[in-house]
Amino acid sequence: MNSEIIFRNITPADVDTITRMRLMMLDEVTEEPLPAGLGENVRRFVWNQLMSGSCIGAVAEIDGEVVADAVIYLYDTMPDEVNLRGVTAILYNVYTLPRFRGRGIMAQLLPEVIQLAREAGAAEIQMLAERKAIPLYERMGFRVSDQMMKMDLE
């Protein structure tokens, strides 16, 4: 029997779920054990950003269980010729529980989250993507940039 997928915006009641799914995702993509205290730091960050209005996102539910999430954090940046308002969104925590993968849930959830970013005034969305997910993101309109650089300070 196929259950209906319900898509809805995140609320403060989802902080623990978002935290849990973030840790599951990091555990999947990280070779080393996750550091002690990471969960509480993630939870605090999500809560604070959600309460300040700079965290938006959506989840997919099946039979009352959150099976996928995608979360955007909004931040101010210096306006430029492309981003006149200086509002940028960064997409995090794009995650589907393993037993629900391959059903196209994220392909339905991402447009919802992209629309939330538009409504919040973001001129662009940035993200880091796993190689296996790049085709999905490209179908959504994302493009790979060869200009992003990074320096680790810790």
Protein backbone atom coordinates (compact mmCIF):
# COMPACT_ATOMS: atom_id res chain seq x y z
CA MET A 1 0.00 0.00 0.00
CA ASN A 2 1.38 3.41 -0.93
CA SER A 3 0.97 6.00 1.75
CA GLU A 4 0.50 9.66 0.90
CA ILE A 5 3.53 11.94 1.18
CA ILE A 6 2.77 15.16 3.01
CA PHE A 7 5.08 18.13 2.52
CA ARG A 8 5.07 20.88 5.12
CA ASN A 9 7.24 23.75 6.36
CA ILE A 10 9.44 23.13 9.37
CA THR A 11 8.36 24.37 12.79
CA PRO A 12 10.07 24.58 16.20
CA ALA A 13 8.66 21.11 16.90
CA ASP A 14 10.98 19.75 14.18
CA VAL A 15 14.26 20.84 15.79
CA ASP A 16 15.04 17.42 17.25
CA THR A 17 14.15 15.67 13.99
CA ILE A 18 16.28 18.05 11.94
CA THR A 19 19.15 17.53 14.39
CA ARG A 20 18.82 13.74 14.23
CA MET A 21 18.68 13.72 10.44
CA ARG A 22 21.70 16.04 10.24
CA LEU A 23 23.71 13.67 12.41
CA MET A 24 22.58 10.66 10.34
CA MET A 25 23.66 12.42 7.15
CA LEU A 26 27.04 13.42 8.59
CA ASP A 27 27.57 9.89 9.89
CA GLU A 28 26.98 8.54 6.37
CA VAL A 29 29.44 10.89 4.64
CA THR A 30 32.16 11.12 7.30
CA GLU A 31 34.76 8.40 7.77
CA GLU A 32 35.67 9.42 11.32
CA PRO A 33 33.33 9.11 14.32
CA LEU A 34 31.33 12.27 14.91
CA PRO A 35 32.71 14.41 17.75
CA ALA A 36 31.08 14.38 21.16
CA GLY A 37 28.78 17.35 21.62
CA LEU A 38 28.04 17.80 17.92
CA GLY A 39 24.39 16.90 18.34
CA GLU A 40 23.78 19.52 21.02
CA ASN A 41 25.65 22.14 18.97
CA VAL A 42 23.55 21.34 15.89
CA ARG A 43 20.36 21.41 17.92
CA ARG A 44 21.23 24.80 19.47
CA PHE A 45 22.16 26.24 16.07
CA VAL A 46 18.95 25.04 14.41
CA TRP A 47 16.83 26.33 17.30
CA ASN A 48 18.50 29.73 17.36
CA GLN A 49 18.32 30.18 13.59
CA LEU A 50 14.70 29.04 13.47
CA MET A 51 13.74 31.44 16.25
CA SER A 52 15.53 34.34 14.54
CA GLY A 53 13.73 33.66 11.27
CA SER A 54 16.90 32.87 9.35
CA CYS A 55 16.16 29.14 9.16
CA ILE A 56 13.45 27.92 6.80
CA GLY A 57 12.79 24.57 5.27
CA ALA A 58 10.42 21.73 4.67
CA VAL A 59 9.97 18.09 5.51
CA ALA A 60 8.26 15.16 3.87
CA GLU A 61 6.12 12.95 6.07
CA ILE A 62 4.72 9.51 5.44
CA ASP A 63 2.26 8.11 8.00
CA GLY A 64 3.30 10.82 10.47
CA GLU A 65 7.04 10.06 10.19
CA VAL A 66 9.44 12.66 8.83
CA VAL A 67 11.28 10.79 6.08
CA ALA A 68 13.13 13.67 4.38
CA ASP A 69 14.16 17.21 5.12
CA ALA A 70 15.84 20.16 3.44
CA VAL A 71 16.80 23.24 5.43
CA ILE A 72 17.92 26.67 4.30
CA TYR A 73 19.77 29.25 6.34
CA LEU A 74 19.51 32.85 5.19
CA TYR A 75 22.32 35.29 5.68
CA ASP A 76 23.22 38.80 4.61
CA THR A 77 26.11 39.29 2.26
CA MET A 78 27.49 42.28 0.45
CA PRO A 79 25.18 43.17 -2.46
CA ASP A 80 26.65 42.81 -5.91
CA GLU A 81 25.52 42.94 -9.53
CA VAL A 82 23.74 39.57 -9.21
CA ASN A 83 22.49 39.75 -5.63
CA LEU A 84 21.17 43.30 -5.30
CA ARG A 85 19.52 42.75 -1.91
CA GLY A 86 22.47 40.88 -0.45
CA VAL A 87 20.34 38.01 0.87
CA THR A 88 21.85 34.58 0.28
CA ALA A 89 20.49 31.17 1.18
CA ILE A 90 22.63 28.18 1.95
CA LEU A 91 21.04 24.76 1.63
CA TYR A 92 21.88 22.21 4.29
CA ASN A 93 20.59 18.95 5.57
CA VAL A 94 19.16 17.62 2.34
CA TYR A 95 18.50 14.14 3.60
CA THR A 96 16.14 11.23 3.02
CA LEU A 97 16.01 8.25 5.35
CA PRO A 98 17.67 5.31 3.57
CA ARG A 99 14.58 3.10 3.42
CA PHE A 100 12.66 5.88 1.59
CA ARG A 101 15.28 6.68 -1.04
CA GLY A 102 14.64 6.12 -4.73
CA ARG A 103 11.01 7.24 -4.56
CA GLY A 104 11.56 10.80 -5.84
CA ILE A 105 10.70 12.36 -2.50
CA MET A 106 13.56 14.86 -2.59
CA ALA A 107 12.74 15.81 -6.18
CA GLN A 108 9.35 16.89 -4.84
CA LEU A 109 10.64 18.48 -1.63
CA LEU A 110 13.40 20.65 -3.09
CA PRO A 111 11.09 22.86 -5.20
CA GLU A 112 9.13 23.62 -2.01
CA VAL A 113 12.31 24.74 -0.24
CA ILE A 114 13.54 26.71 -3.25
CA GLN A 115 10.24 28.59 -3.28
CA LEU A 116 10.60 29.35 0.44
CA ALA A 117 14.01 30.91 -0.28
CA ARG A 118 12.49 33.04 -3.06
CA GLU A 119 9.70 34.21 -0.78
CA ALA A 120 12.29 35.11 1.88
CA GLY A 121 14.01 37.42 -0.59
CA ALA A 122 17.10 35.32 -1.30
CA ALA A 123 18.72 36.08 -4.65
CA GLU A 124 20.74 32.85 -4.71
CA ILE A 125 21.11 29.49 -3.04
CA GLN A 126 24.51 28.02 -2.31
CA MET A 127 25.32 24.49 -1.22
CA LEU A 128 27.88 21.74 -1.10
CA ALA A 129 26.74 18.54 -2.74
CA GLU A 130 27.79 14.94 -2.73
CA ARG A 131 28.78 13.84 -6.21
CA LYS A 132 25.97 11.26 -6.40
CA ALA A 133 23.37 14.00 -5.77
CA ILE A 134 24.63 16.50 -8.35
CA PRO A 135 22.35 15.24 -11.17
CA LEU A 136 19.27 15.85 -8.99
CA TYR A 137 20.42 19.35 -8.12
CA GLU A 138 21.19 20.14 -11.74
CA ARG A 139 17.65 19.07 -12.70
CA MET A 140 16.42 21.55 -10.09
CA GLY A 141 18.42 24.36 -11.74
CA PHE A 142 21.60 24.35 -9.65
CA ARG A 143 24.92 24.56 -11.48
CA VAL A 144 28.37 23.44 -10.44
CA SER A 145 30.75 26.32 -9.83
CA ASP A 146 34.49 26.01 -10.18
CA GLN A 147 35.13 29.26 -8.32
CA MET A 148 34.28 28.20 -4.77
CA MET A 149 37.33 27.97 -2.54
CA LYS A 150 37.67 26.99 1.08
CA MET A 151 40.23 27.30 3.86
CA ASP A 152 39.89 25.29 7.05
CA LEU A 153 40.76 27.34 10.13
CA GLU A 154 40.43 24.55 12.70
